[in-house]
Amino acid sequence: AQWRRLPDKFPPYQTVHRWFQKWVKEGLIERLLKLMAEDLWRRKKLDLRESFIDGSFAAAKKGGSKVGKTKRGKGSKIMAIADAHGLPIDVTIASANPHEQKLVKETIKARFLEKVPERLIGDNAYDSDSLDNALKTEFQIQFIAPHRRGRRKPITQDGRILRRYQRRWKIERLFAWLQNYRRLIVRHEYYWENFLGFVQLACCLILIRYF
C-alpha cells in the first residue's frame, strides 16, 4: 500500500516509514532473509545443484539512485537468482542501463548463502565466453546459456547440458511471485536501498511458505 493508505490499526505512516528505513539501514531485513535461507539450506529445502538468473524492469518515474533510462523509460532492474526449486537465493537492485551480462558477478556476490550454486542458467542474453570463464575461475560455477543466433565463435554448449535450460521457467515463476506484491512493479522509493528492502521483504514472505 502507499504509506498514506496503511490500515488504521498501524501507527502513523510517518512512524512506520521511519522504522522501515531504520531496519533497512541496519540491515535487519537482509539478516532475517539470510537466516531463513540458511535454515532452509540446513534442512535440505534449497537445492544449489542448479540455479537460474534473470532480471526484471521496474519503472521509476520519480527518479532516484540506481535509476537509468531505457527504451521503456526510466527505471531500475531487479536481478534475482532462483534455486532448483525456484526459490529466491539472491536478489539485488541495479540501474536499468547496463546489460545484464555485466550484472551477473555483482548479483552472485549478493547471495543469501555462503555456498554458491554449482550451475547457473540464463537465457541467450547471457551468452558470453568471457563470462563463462570468469564465473568458472572466480566462483567455480558452470554457466549455461543457449548461444545467440548468428554466433561467430565455436559452439561451447552441447545438447546434454542445455537440457537444463528447459527448467528456466522457474525463474520466470519467481518473478511472477514477486510481482504479486504490487509495491515491486513500480519503484516509488527514491533511495535504492529502500526499494531493495521491499524486494527482500517479499523474498522473506516467499520463503516462509516452506518452513
N, C-alpha and C. Protein backbone atom coordinates (compact mmCIF):
# COMPACT_ATOMS: atom_id res chain seq x y z
N ALA A 1 0.84 -1.20 0.00
CA ALA A 1 0.00 0.00 0.00
C ALA A 1 0.88 1.25 0.00
N GLN A 2 0.33 2.35 -0.43
CA GLN A 2 1.01 3.62 -0.26
C GLN A 2 1.12 3.92 1.23
N TRP A 3 2.18 4.65 1.60
CA TRP A 3 2.39 4.93 3.02
C TRP A 3 1.16 5.58 3.65
N ARG A 4 0.54 6.51 2.94
CA ARG A 4 -0.61 7.24 3.50
C ARG A 4 -1.86 6.37 3.60
N ARG A 5 -1.84 5.18 2.97
CA ARG A 5 -3.03 4.34 2.96
C ARG A 5 -2.86 3.07 3.79
N LEU A 6 -1.94 3.10 4.73
CA LEU A 6 -1.80 1.97 5.64
C LEU A 6 -3.07 1.82 6.48
N PRO A 7 -3.42 0.59 6.88
CA PRO A 7 -4.63 0.40 7.70
C PRO A 7 -4.58 1.21 8.99
N ASP A 8 -5.75 1.52 9.50
CA ASP A 8 -5.85 2.36 10.69
C ASP A 8 -5.20 1.73 11.92
N LYS A 9 -5.10 0.39 11.95
CA LYS A 9 -4.51 -0.28 13.11
C LYS A 9 -3.00 -0.05 13.20
N PHE A 10 -2.38 0.47 12.11
CA PHE A 10 -0.96 0.77 12.13
C PHE A 10 -0.73 2.13 12.81
N PRO A 11 0.48 2.37 13.31
CA PRO A 11 0.83 3.71 13.80
C PRO A 11 0.79 4.71 12.65
N PRO A 12 0.98 6.00 12.91
CA PRO A 12 1.04 6.98 11.82
C PRO A 12 2.05 6.55 10.76
N TYR A 13 1.71 6.79 9.49
CA TYR A 13 2.55 6.26 8.41
C TYR A 13 3.97 6.82 8.48
N GLN A 14 4.13 8.05 9.03
CA GLN A 14 5.48 8.61 9.15
C GLN A 14 6.33 7.75 10.09
N THR A 15 5.70 7.24 11.15
CA THR A 15 6.42 6.39 12.10
C THR A 15 6.79 5.06 11.45
N VAL A 16 5.85 4.47 10.72
CA VAL A 16 6.11 3.20 10.05
C VAL A 16 7.25 3.37 9.04
N HIS A 17 7.19 4.46 8.28
CA HIS A 17 8.24 4.73 7.29
C HIS A 17 9.59 4.91 7.95
N ARG A 18 9.61 5.61 9.06
CA ARG A 18 10.88 5.84 9.77
C ARG A 18 11.48 4.53 10.28
N TRP A 19 10.64 3.65 10.82
CA TRP A 19 11.12 2.36 11.30
C TRP A 19 11.59 1.48 10.15
N PHE A 20 10.86 1.52 9.04
CA PHE A 20 11.27 0.73 7.88
C PHE A 20 12.65 1.16 7.41
N GLN A 21 12.87 2.47 7.32
CA GLN A 21 14.18 2.97 6.90
C GLN A 21 15.27 2.56 7.89
N LYS A 22 14.95 2.57 9.17
CA LYS A 22 15.91 2.16 10.20
C LYS A 22 16.29 0.69 10.02
N TRP A 23 15.29 -0.16 9.78
CA TRP A 23 15.55 -1.60 9.58
C TRP A 23 16.41 -1.83 8.33
N VAL A 24 16.12 -1.06 7.27
CA VAL A 24 16.91 -1.20 6.04
C VAL A 24 18.35 -0.76 6.28
N LYS A 25 18.52 0.39 6.92
CA LYS A 25 19.86 0.93 7.16
C LYS A 25 20.69 0.00 8.03
N GLU A 26 20.05 -0.63 9.01
CA GLU A 26 20.77 -1.53 9.91
C GLU A 26 20.92 -2.94 9.35
N GLY A 27 20.32 -3.19 8.17
CA GLY A 27 20.44 -4.50 7.54
C GLY A 27 19.60 -5.57 8.20
N LEU A 28 18.57 -5.18 8.94
CA LEU A 28 17.76 -6.15 9.68
C LEU A 28 17.01 -7.10 8.74
N ILE A 29 16.38 -6.55 7.68
CA ILE A 29 15.62 -7.39 6.75
C ILE A 29 16.57 -8.34 6.02
N GLU A 30 17.74 -7.83 5.63
CA GLU A 30 18.71 -8.67 4.94
C GLU A 30 19.20 -9.81 5.83
N ARG A 31 19.46 -9.51 7.11
CA ARG A 31 19.91 -10.55 8.04
C ARG A 31 18.84 -11.61 8.24
N LEU A 32 17.59 -11.15 8.36
CA LEU A 32 16.47 -12.09 8.53
C LEU A 32 16.37 -13.01 7.31
N LEU A 33 16.52 -12.44 6.13
CA LEU A 33 16.44 -13.22 4.89
C LEU A 33 17.55 -14.26 4.84
N LYS A 34 18.76 -13.87 5.21
CA LYS A 34 19.88 -14.82 5.20
C LYS A 34 19.70 -15.93 6.22
N LEU A 35 19.17 -15.60 7.40
CA LEU A 35 18.91 -16.63 8.41
C LEU A 35 17.86 -17.63 7.93
N MET A 36 16.83 -17.13 7.26
CA MET A 36 15.80 -18.01 6.73
C MET A 36 16.39 -18.93 5.67
N ALA A 37 17.20 -18.37 4.77
CA ALA A 37 17.80 -19.18 3.70
C ALA A 37 18.75 -20.23 4.29
N GLU A 38 19.53 -19.85 5.28
CA GLU A 38 20.46 -20.81 5.90
C GLU A 38 19.71 -21.94 6.59
N ASP A 39 18.59 -21.61 7.23
CA ASP A 39 17.79 -22.65 7.89
C ASP A 39 17.21 -23.62 6.86
N LEU A 40 16.69 -23.09 5.77
CA LEU A 40 16.15 -23.95 4.72
C LEU A 40 17.26 -24.80 4.09
N TRP A 41 18.45 -24.24 3.95
CA TRP A 41 19.58 -25.00 3.40
C TRP A 41 19.95 -26.16 4.32
N ARG A 42 20.01 -25.90 5.61
CA ARG A 42 20.36 -26.97 6.56
C ARG A 42 19.34 -28.09 6.54
N ARG A 43 18.07 -27.73 6.28
CA ARG A 43 17.01 -28.75 6.26
C ARG A 43 16.79 -29.30 4.84
N LYS A 44 17.74 -28.98 3.94
CA LYS A 44 17.75 -29.51 2.58
C LYS A 44 16.49 -29.15 1.79
N LYS A 45 15.98 -27.95 2.04
CA LYS A 45 14.83 -27.46 1.28
C LYS A 45 15.24 -26.49 0.18
N LEU A 46 16.55 -26.20 0.10
CA LEU A 46 17.10 -25.45 -1.03
C LEU A 46 18.05 -26.37 -1.77
N ASP A 47 18.09 -26.24 -3.08
CA ASP A 47 18.90 -27.12 -3.92
C ASP A 47 19.76 -26.25 -4.83
N LEU A 48 21.08 -26.28 -4.62
CA LEU A 48 22.00 -25.45 -5.39
C LEU A 48 22.72 -26.21 -6.49
N ARG A 49 22.25 -27.41 -6.80
CA ARG A 49 22.88 -28.15 -7.89
C ARG A 49 22.68 -27.44 -9.22
N GLU A 50 21.58 -26.69 -9.34
CA GLU A 50 21.41 -25.81 -10.48
C GLU A 50 20.59 -24.61 -10.03
N SER A 51 20.79 -23.48 -10.69
CA SER A 51 20.07 -22.26 -10.34
C SER A 51 19.83 -21.46 -11.61
N PHE A 52 18.99 -20.44 -11.51
CA PHE A 52 18.55 -19.70 -12.69
C PHE A 52 18.63 -18.21 -12.40
N ILE A 53 19.12 -17.43 -13.37
CA ILE A 53 19.28 -15.99 -13.21
C ILE A 53 18.50 -15.23 -14.26
N ASP A 54 17.97 -14.08 -13.87
CA ASP A 54 17.28 -13.20 -14.81
C ASP A 54 17.09 -11.84 -14.15
N GLY A 55 16.63 -10.87 -14.94
CA GLY A 55 16.36 -9.54 -14.44
C GLY A 55 14.97 -9.09 -14.85
N SER A 56 14.41 -8.17 -14.07
CA SER A 56 13.07 -7.65 -14.36
C SER A 56 13.09 -6.13 -14.21
N PHE A 57 12.46 -5.44 -15.14
CA PHE A 57 12.43 -3.98 -15.15
C PHE A 57 11.35 -3.45 -14.22
N ALA A 58 11.70 -2.44 -13.42
CA ALA A 58 10.72 -1.75 -12.57
C ALA A 58 10.79 -0.27 -12.90
N ALA A 59 9.71 0.29 -13.40
CA ALA A 59 9.68 1.71 -13.76
C ALA A 59 9.90 2.57 -12.51
N ALA A 60 10.63 3.68 -12.70
CA ALA A 60 10.90 4.60 -11.58
C ALA A 60 10.78 6.02 -12.11
N LYS A 61 9.55 6.44 -12.31
CA LYS A 61 9.29 7.73 -12.95
C LYS A 61 9.76 8.91 -12.09
N LYS A 62 9.85 8.70 -10.77
CA LYS A 62 10.29 9.78 -9.88
C LYS A 62 11.80 9.89 -9.81
N GLY A 63 12.51 8.97 -10.46
CA GLY A 63 13.96 9.01 -10.43
C GLY A 63 14.51 8.47 -9.12
N GLY A 64 15.78 8.76 -8.87
CA GLY A 64 16.43 8.30 -7.65
C GLY A 64 17.75 7.63 -7.95
N SER A 65 18.35 7.05 -6.93
CA SER A 65 19.63 6.37 -7.10
C SER A 65 19.41 5.02 -7.78
N LYS A 66 20.40 4.62 -8.60
CA LYS A 66 20.35 3.38 -9.39
C LYS A 66 19.11 3.35 -10.28
N VAL A 67 18.88 4.46 -10.96
CA VAL A 67 17.82 4.58 -11.97
C VAL A 67 18.47 4.96 -13.28
N GLY A 68 18.11 4.28 -14.36
CA GLY A 68 18.68 4.58 -15.66
C GLY A 68 17.62 4.65 -16.73
N LYS A 69 17.94 5.31 -17.84
CA LYS A 69 17.00 5.47 -18.94
C LYS A 69 17.13 4.31 -19.91
N THR A 70 15.97 3.81 -20.36
CA THR A 70 15.92 2.75 -21.36
C THR A 70 14.82 3.11 -22.36
N LYS A 71 14.61 2.24 -23.34
CA LYS A 71 13.52 2.44 -24.29
C LYS A 71 12.16 2.39 -23.60
N ARG A 72 12.10 1.72 -22.45
CA ARG A 72 10.85 1.60 -21.70
C ARG A 72 10.67 2.75 -20.71
N GLY A 73 11.62 3.68 -20.69
CA GLY A 73 11.55 4.79 -19.75
C GLY A 73 12.58 4.62 -18.64
N LYS A 74 12.50 5.50 -17.65
CA LYS A 74 13.43 5.43 -16.54
C LYS A 74 13.05 4.28 -15.61
N GLY A 75 14.07 3.61 -15.08
CA GLY A 75 13.75 2.51 -14.19
C GLY A 75 14.97 1.86 -13.58
N SER A 76 14.70 0.85 -12.78
CA SER A 76 15.73 0.03 -12.15
C SER A 76 15.51 -1.41 -12.56
N LYS A 77 16.52 -2.22 -12.33
CA LYS A 77 16.44 -3.62 -12.66
C LYS A 77 16.53 -4.45 -11.38
N ILE A 78 15.59 -5.35 -11.21
CA ILE A 78 15.66 -6.33 -10.12
C ILE A 78 16.36 -7.56 -10.68
N MET A 79 17.53 -7.86 -10.17
CA MET A 79 18.25 -9.07 -10.57
C MET A 79 18.01 -10.14 -9.50
N ALA A 80 17.73 -11.35 -9.95
CA ALA A 80 17.43 -12.43 -9.00
C ALA A 80 18.00 -13.75 -9.48
N ILE A 81 18.30 -14.61 -8.52
CA ILE A 81 18.71 -15.99 -8.80
C ILE A 81 17.77 -16.91 -8.02
N ALA A 82 17.24 -17.92 -8.69
CA ALA A 82 16.37 -18.91 -8.07
C ALA A 82 17.11 -20.25 -8.00
N ASP A 83 16.83 -21.02 -6.96
CA ASP A 83 17.45 -22.35 -6.84
C ASP A 83 16.72 -23.34 -7.73
N ALA A 84 17.07 -24.63 -7.61
CA ALA A 84 16.47 -25.65 -8.46
C ALA A 84 14.97 -25.79 -8.25
N HIS A 85 14.47 -25.34 -7.08
CA HIS A 85 13.02 -25.38 -6.80
C HIS A 85 12.32 -24.09 -7.22
N GLY A 86 13.10 -23.09 -7.62
CA GLY A 86 12.51 -21.81 -7.99
C GLY A 86 12.39 -20.84 -6.83
N LEU A 87 13.07 -21.13 -5.71
CA LEU A 87 13.02 -20.25 -4.54
C LEU A 87 14.14 -19.21 -4.62
N PRO A 88 13.91 -18.01 -4.11
CA PRO A 88 14.93 -16.96 -4.21
C PRO A 88 16.13 -17.26 -3.32
N ILE A 89 17.32 -17.17 -3.90
CA ILE A 89 18.55 -17.31 -3.12
C ILE A 89 19.45 -16.09 -3.31
N ASP A 90 18.94 -15.09 -4.04
CA ASP A 90 19.77 -13.93 -4.34
C ASP A 90 18.91 -12.86 -5.00
N VAL A 91 18.95 -11.64 -4.50
CA VAL A 91 18.32 -10.51 -5.18
C VAL A 91 19.19 -9.27 -4.99
N THR A 92 19.18 -8.42 -5.97
CA THR A 92 19.89 -7.15 -5.87
C THR A 92 19.22 -6.15 -6.81
N ILE A 93 19.56 -4.89 -6.65
CA ILE A 93 18.99 -3.81 -7.47
C ILE A 93 20.11 -3.15 -8.26
N ALA A 94 19.84 -2.84 -9.52
CA ALA A 94 20.81 -2.16 -10.37
C ALA A 94 20.08 -1.14 -11.24
N SER A 95 20.84 -0.22 -11.79
CA SER A 95 20.28 0.68 -12.79
C SER A 95 19.83 -0.13 -13.99
N ALA A 96 18.83 0.36 -14.70
CA ALA A 96 18.31 -0.38 -15.86
C ALA A 96 19.21 -0.26 -17.08
N ASN A 97 20.23 0.62 -17.03
CA ASN A 97 21.09 0.83 -18.20
C ASN A 97 21.98 -0.35 -18.57
N PRO A 98 22.78 -0.89 -17.64
CA PRO A 98 23.77 -1.89 -18.03
C PRO A 98 23.13 -3.16 -18.58
N HIS A 99 23.87 -3.81 -19.47
CA HIS A 99 23.44 -5.12 -19.96
C HIS A 99 23.51 -6.11 -18.81
N GLU A 100 22.59 -7.07 -18.79
CA GLU A 100 22.53 -8.00 -17.67
C GLU A 100 23.78 -8.84 -17.53
N GLN A 101 24.52 -9.05 -18.62
CA GLN A 101 25.79 -9.77 -18.51
C GLN A 101 26.72 -9.11 -17.50
N LYS A 102 26.72 -7.78 -17.48
CA LYS A 102 27.63 -7.04 -16.61
C LYS A 102 27.19 -7.07 -15.15
N LEU A 103 25.99 -7.57 -14.87
CA LEU A 103 25.45 -7.56 -13.52
C LEU A 103 25.53 -8.93 -12.85
N VAL A 104 26.01 -9.94 -13.58
CA VAL A 104 25.97 -11.31 -13.06
C VAL A 104 26.85 -11.47 -11.82
N LYS A 105 28.11 -11.02 -11.90
CA LYS A 105 29.03 -11.21 -10.77
C LYS A 105 28.56 -10.41 -9.55
N GLU A 106 28.08 -9.19 -9.77
CA GLU A 106 27.56 -8.38 -8.67
C GLU A 106 26.36 -9.07 -8.01
N THR A 107 25.53 -9.71 -8.83
CA THR A 107 24.37 -10.41 -8.30
C THR A 107 24.79 -11.61 -7.46
N ILE A 108 25.74 -12.39 -7.95
CA ILE A 108 26.20 -13.56 -7.21
C ILE A 108 26.77 -13.16 -5.85
N LYS A 109 27.47 -12.05 -5.80
CA LYS A 109 28.07 -11.59 -4.55
C LYS A 109 27.03 -11.17 -3.52
N ALA A 110 25.79 -10.91 -3.96
CA ALA A 110 24.72 -10.51 -3.05
C ALA A 110 23.89 -11.69 -2.56
N ARG A 111 24.36 -12.92 -2.80
CA ARG A 111 23.59 -14.12 -2.46
C ARG A 111 23.34 -14.22 -0.95
N PHE A 112 22.26 -14.97 -0.60
CA PHE A 112 21.87 -15.12 0.79
C PHE A 112 22.73 -16.16 1.52
N LEU A 113 23.26 -17.12 0.78
CA LEU A 113 24.03 -18.22 1.36
C LEU A 113 25.51 -18.05 1.05
N GLU A 114 26.35 -18.59 1.93
CA GLU A 114 27.79 -18.57 1.68
C GLU A 114 28.14 -19.45 0.48
N LYS A 115 27.48 -20.59 0.38
CA LYS A 115 27.74 -21.53 -0.71
C LYS A 115 27.19 -20.97 -2.02
N VAL A 116 27.93 -21.22 -3.10
CA VAL A 116 27.48 -20.76 -4.42
C VAL A 116 26.84 -21.93 -5.17
N PRO A 117 25.96 -21.65 -6.13
CA PRO A 117 25.36 -22.73 -6.93
C PRO A 117 26.42 -23.45 -7.76
N GLU A 118 26.16 -24.71 -8.04
CA GLU A 118 27.08 -25.47 -8.91
C GLU A 118 26.94 -25.03 -10.36
N ARG A 119 25.69 -24.79 -10.78
CA ARG A 119 25.42 -24.38 -12.17
C ARG A 119 24.47 -23.19 -12.14
N LEU A 120 24.70 -22.26 -13.06
CA LEU A 120 23.85 -21.08 -13.19
C LEU A 120 23.37 -21.02 -14.63
N ILE A 121 22.06 -20.88 -14.80
CA ILE A 121 21.43 -20.97 -16.12
C ILE A 121 20.74 -19.65 -16.47
N GLY A 122 21.02 -19.13 -17.65
CA GLY A 122 20.39 -17.90 -18.11
C GLY A 122 19.95 -18.03 -19.55
N ASP A 123 19.26 -17.02 -20.06
CA ASP A 123 18.81 -17.07 -21.46
C ASP A 123 19.96 -16.62 -22.37
N ASN A 124 19.69 -16.51 -23.68
CA ASN A 124 20.77 -16.24 -24.62
C ASN A 124 21.35 -14.83 -24.51
N ALA A 125 20.71 -13.95 -23.73
CA ALA A 125 21.29 -12.63 -23.49
C ALA A 125 22.59 -12.74 -22.69
N TYR A 126 22.76 -13.87 -22.00
CA TYR A 126 23.95 -14.08 -21.17
C TYR A 126 25.03 -14.87 -21.90
N ASP A 127 24.86 -15.12 -23.18
CA ASP A 127 25.83 -15.91 -23.94
C ASP A 127 27.13 -15.12 -24.07
N SER A 128 28.16 -15.57 -23.37
CA SER A 128 29.46 -14.89 -23.40
C SER A 128 30.53 -15.84 -22.91
N ASP A 129 31.52 -16.11 -23.74
CA ASP A 129 32.62 -16.98 -23.33
C ASP A 129 33.41 -16.37 -22.20
N SER A 130 33.60 -15.05 -22.22
CA SER A 130 34.36 -14.40 -21.15
C SER A 130 33.62 -14.49 -19.82
N LEU A 131 32.30 -14.38 -19.85
CA LEU A 131 31.52 -14.53 -18.63
C LEU A 131 31.60 -15.96 -18.12
N ASP A 132 31.48 -16.93 -19.03
CA ASP A 132 31.60 -18.34 -18.64
C ASP A 132 32.92 -18.59 -17.92
N ASN A 133 34.01 -18.08 -18.49
CA ASN A 133 35.33 -18.31 -17.92
C ASN A 133 35.51 -17.58 -16.60
N ALA A 134 34.97 -16.36 -16.49
CA ALA A 134 35.10 -15.58 -15.26
C ALA A 134 34.38 -16.25 -14.09
N LEU A 135 33.17 -16.78 -14.34
CA LEU A 135 32.41 -17.43 -13.27
C LEU A 135 33.08 -18.73 -12.85
N LYS A 136 33.64 -19.44 -13.83
CA LYS A 136 34.32 -20.70 -13.50
C LYS A 136 35.57 -20.44 -12.68
N THR A 137 36.31 -19.38 -13.03
CA THR A 137 37.56 -19.06 -12.34
C THR A 137 37.31 -18.48 -10.95
N GLU A 138 36.39 -17.52 -10.87
CA GLU A 138 36.19 -16.79 -9.61
C GLU A 138 35.29 -17.51 -8.62
N PHE A 139 34.26 -18.19 -9.13
CA PHE A 139 33.27 -18.80 -8.24
C PHE A 139 33.16 -20.32 -8.37
N GLN A 140 33.85 -20.90 -9.34
CA GLN A 140 33.73 -22.33 -9.65
C GLN A 140 32.28 -22.68 -10.02
N ILE A 141 31.64 -21.80 -10.77
CA ILE A 141 30.27 -22.00 -11.24
C ILE A 141 30.28 -22.32 -12.73
N GLN A 142 29.54 -23.35 -13.12
CA GLN A 142 29.36 -23.65 -14.54
C GLN A 142 28.18 -22.83 -15.05
N PHE A 143 28.44 -21.97 -16.03
CA PHE A 143 27.36 -21.12 -16.55
C PHE A 143 26.80 -21.75 -17.82
N ILE A 144 25.48 -21.80 -17.92
CA ILE A 144 24.80 -22.44 -19.05
C ILE A 144 23.84 -21.44 -19.68
N ALA A 145 24.03 -21.18 -20.97
CA ALA A 145 23.12 -20.29 -21.70
C ALA A 145 23.14 -20.69 -23.17
N PRO A 146 21.99 -20.73 -23.81
CA PRO A 146 21.97 -21.04 -25.25
C PRO A 146 22.67 -19.95 -26.04
N HIS A 147 23.28 -20.32 -27.14
CA HIS A 147 24.01 -19.34 -27.95
C HIS A 147 23.04 -18.44 -28.71
N ARG A 148 23.49 -17.20 -28.89
CA ARG A 148 22.71 -16.26 -29.70
C ARG A 148 22.78 -16.66 -31.17
N ARG A 149 21.74 -16.32 -31.90
CA ARG A 149 21.70 -16.62 -33.33
C ARG A 149 22.80 -15.85 -34.05
N GLY A 150 23.44 -16.51 -34.98
CA GLY A 150 24.49 -15.85 -35.74
C GLY A 150 25.82 -15.76 -35.01
N ARG A 151 26.00 -16.54 -33.99
CA ARG A 151 27.24 -16.51 -33.21
C ARG A 151 28.42 -16.94 -34.10
N ARG A 152 29.48 -16.15 -34.09
CA ARG A 152 30.63 -16.43 -34.96
C ARG A 152 31.61 -17.40 -34.30
N LYS A 153 31.70 -17.36 -32.98
CA LYS A 153 32.67 -18.20 -32.28
C LYS A 153 32.17 -19.64 -32.24
N PRO A 154 33.07 -20.60 -32.02
CA PRO A 154 32.67 -22.02 -32.00
C PRO A 154 31.64 -22.30 -30.91
N ILE A 155 30.84 -23.33 -31.12
CA ILE A 155 29.84 -23.76 -30.16
C ILE A 155 30.54 -24.28 -28.89
N THR A 156 30.08 -23.81 -27.73
CA THR A 156 30.69 -24.23 -26.47
C THR A 156 29.73 -24.99 -25.56
N GLN A 157 28.44 -25.08 -25.92
CA GLN A 157 27.46 -25.77 -25.08
C GLN A 157 26.85 -26.90 -25.90
N ASP A 158 26.87 -28.11 -25.34
CA ASP A 158 26.26 -29.21 -26.09
C ASP A 158 24.82 -29.45 -25.62
N GLY A 159 24.12 -30.30 -26.34
CA GLY A 159 22.70 -30.51 -26.09
C GLY A 159 22.39 -31.09 -24.73
N ARG A 160 23.27 -31.93 -24.21
CA ARG A 160 23.01 -32.55 -22.91
C ARG A 160 22.99 -31.50 -21.80
N ILE A 161 23.94 -30.58 -21.87
CA ILE A 161 23.98 -29.51 -20.87
C ILE A 161 22.77 -28.60 -21.00
N LEU A 162 22.41 -28.27 -22.24
CA LEU A 162 21.32 -27.32 -22.47
C LEU A 162 19.95 -27.87 -22.11
N ARG A 163 19.84 -29.16 -21.83
CA ARG A 163 18.55 -29.69 -21.37
C ARG A 163 18.12 -29.02 -20.06
N ARG A 164 19.09 -28.60 -19.29
CA ARG A 164 18.78 -27.91 -18.03
C ARG A 164 18.05 -26.59 -18.29
N TYR A 165 18.27 -26.01 -19.48
CA TYR A 165 17.63 -24.74 -19.81
C TYR A 165 16.10 -24.87 -19.88
N GLN A 166 15.61 -26.08 -20.11
CA GLN A 166 14.17 -26.29 -20.18
C GLN A 166 13.47 -25.97 -18.86
N ARG A 167 14.23 -25.95 -17.78
CA ARG A 167 13.63 -25.66 -16.46
C ARG A 167 13.76 -24.19 -16.08
N ARG A 168 14.13 -23.37 -17.06
CA ARG A 168 14.31 -21.94 -16.77
C ARG A 168 13.00 -21.24 -16.41
N TRP A 169 11.87 -21.90 -16.63
CA TRP A 169 10.58 -21.31 -16.26
C TRP A 169 10.51 -21.02 -14.75
N LYS A 170 11.39 -21.65 -13.99
CA LYS A 170 11.34 -21.46 -12.53
C LYS A 170 11.73 -20.03 -12.13
N ILE A 171 12.64 -19.40 -12.86
CA ILE A 171 12.98 -18.01 -12.54
C ILE A 171 11.85 -17.09 -12.99
N GLU A 172 11.17 -17.45 -14.08
CA GLU A 172 10.01 -16.67 -14.52
C GLU A 172 8.90 -16.75 -13.47
N ARG A 173 8.72 -17.92 -12.88
CA ARG A 173 7.70 -18.06 -11.83
C ARG A 173 8.07 -17.25 -10.61
N LEU A 174 9.37 -17.21 -10.27
CA LEU A 174 9.79 -16.41 -9.12
C LEU A 174 9.45 -14.94 -9.33
N PHE A 175 9.69 -14.41 -10.52
CA PHE A 175 9.33 -13.01 -10.78
C PHE A 175 7.82 -12.81 -10.74
N ALA A 176 7.05 -13.81 -11.15
CA ALA A 176 5.59 -13.71 -11.05
C ALA A 176 5.19 -13.63 -9.58
N TRP A 177 5.84 -14.43 -8.73
CA TRP A 177 5.57 -14.38 -7.29
C TRP A 177 5.91 -12.99 -6.73
N LEU A 178 7.07 -12.48 -7.12
CA LEU A 178 7.49 -11.16 -6.61
C LEU A 178 6.51 -10.07 -7.05
N GLN A 179 6.04 -10.18 -8.29
CA GLN A 179 5.15 -9.13 -8.79
C GLN A 179 3.73 -9.25 -8.27
N ASN A 180 3.45 -10.30 -7.50
CA ASN A 180 2.19 -10.33 -6.77
C ASN A 180 2.16 -9.24 -5.70
N TYR A 181 3.35 -8.77 -5.31
CA TYR A 181 3.46 -7.67 -4.36
C TYR A 181 3.57 -6.39 -5.19
N ARG A 182 2.48 -5.65 -5.25
CA ARG A 182 2.37 -4.54 -6.19
C ARG A 182 3.42 -3.46 -5.96
N ARG A 183 3.96 -3.40 -4.73
CA ARG A 183 4.96 -2.38 -4.43
C ARG A 183 6.24 -2.57 -5.24
N LEU A 184 6.42 -3.76 -5.84
CA LEU A 184 7.64 -4.04 -6.59
C LEU A 184 7.49 -3.79 -8.09
N ILE A 185 6.26 -3.59 -8.56
CA ILE A 185 6.05 -3.42 -10.00
C ILE A 185 6.55 -2.05 -10.45
N VAL A 186 6.25 -1.03 -9.66
CA VAL A 186 6.73 0.34 -9.92
C VAL A 186 7.53 0.78 -8.71
N ARG A 187 8.70 1.30 -8.96
CA ARG A 187 9.54 1.77 -7.85
C ARG A 187 9.13 3.19 -7.47
N HIS A 188 8.70 3.36 -6.22
CA HIS A 188 8.32 4.68 -5.71
C HIS A 188 9.40 5.27 -4.81
N GLU A 189 10.32 4.43 -4.33
CA GLU A 189 11.33 4.88 -3.37
C GLU A 189 12.47 5.61 -4.09
N TYR A 190 12.89 6.74 -3.54
CA TYR A 190 13.99 7.49 -4.13
C TYR A 190 15.31 6.76 -3.92
N TYR A 191 15.49 6.22 -2.73
CA TYR A 191 16.74 5.53 -2.41
C TYR A 191 16.63 4.05 -2.79
N TRP A 192 17.63 3.56 -3.52
CA TRP A 192 17.58 2.17 -3.98
C TRP A 192 17.60 1.20 -2.81
N GLU A 193 18.23 1.56 -1.70
CA GLU A 193 18.28 0.67 -0.55
C GLU A 193 16.89 0.37 -0.01
N ASN A 194 16.01 1.38 -0.03
CA ASN A 194 14.64 1.17 0.45
C ASN A 194 13.86 0.26 -0.50
N PHE A 195 14.08 0.44 -1.81
CA PHE A 195 13.41 -0.44 -2.77
C PHE A 195 13.90 -1.87 -2.61
N LEU A 196 15.21 -2.04 -2.42
CA LEU A 196 15.75 -3.38 -2.19
C LEU A 196 15.16 -3.98 -0.92
N GLY A 197 14.94 -3.14 0.10
CA GLY A 197 14.32 -3.63 1.34
C GLY A 197 12.96 -4.25 1.08
N PHE A 198 12.17 -3.64 0.21
CA PHE A 198 10.86 -4.21 -0.13
C PHE A 198 11.00 -5.52 -0.90
N VAL A 199 12.00 -5.58 -1.80
CA VAL A 199 12.23 -6.82 -2.55
C VAL A 199 12.65 -7.94 -1.59
N GLN A 200 13.53 -7.62 -0.66
CA GLN A 200 13.98 -8.61 0.33
C GLN A 200 12.82 -9.06 1.22
N LEU A 201 11.97 -8.14 1.59
CA LEU A 201 10.80 -8.49 2.41
C LEU A 201 9.88 -9.44 1.64
N ALA A 202 9.70 -9.19 0.34
CA ALA A 202 8.88 -10.09 -0.48
C ALA A 202 9.51 -11.48 -0.53
N CYS A 203 10.85 -11.54 -0.62
CA CYS A 203 11.53 -12.85 -0.62
C CYS A 203 11.32 -13.57 0.70
N CYS A 204 11.32 -12.84 1.81
CA CYS A 204 11.03 -13.44 3.12
C CYS A 204 9.64 -14.08 3.12
N LEU A 205 8.67 -13.38 2.56
CA LEU A 205 7.30 -13.89 2.54
C LEU A 205 7.17 -15.12 1.64
N ILE A 206 8.00 -15.19 0.60
CA ILE A 206 8.00 -16.37 -0.28
C ILE A 206 8.64 -17.55 0.45
N LEU A 207 9.78 -17.32 1.08
CA LEU A 207 10.50 -18.41 1.74
C LEU A 207 9.74 -18.96 2.96
N ILE A 208 8.99 -18.09 3.64
CA ILE A 208 8.33 -18.53 4.87
C ILE A 208 7.25 -19.57 4.58
N ARG A 209 6.80 -19.66 3.34
CA ARG A 209 5.82 -20.70 2.98
C ARG A 209 6.40 -22.09 3.14
N TYR A 210 7.72 -22.21 3.09
CA TYR A 210 8.38 -23.51 3.09
C TYR A 210 8.94 -23.91 4.45
N PHE A 211 8.58 -23.17 5.50
CA PHE A 211 9.01 -23.52 6.85
C PHE A 211 8.07 -24.52 7.48
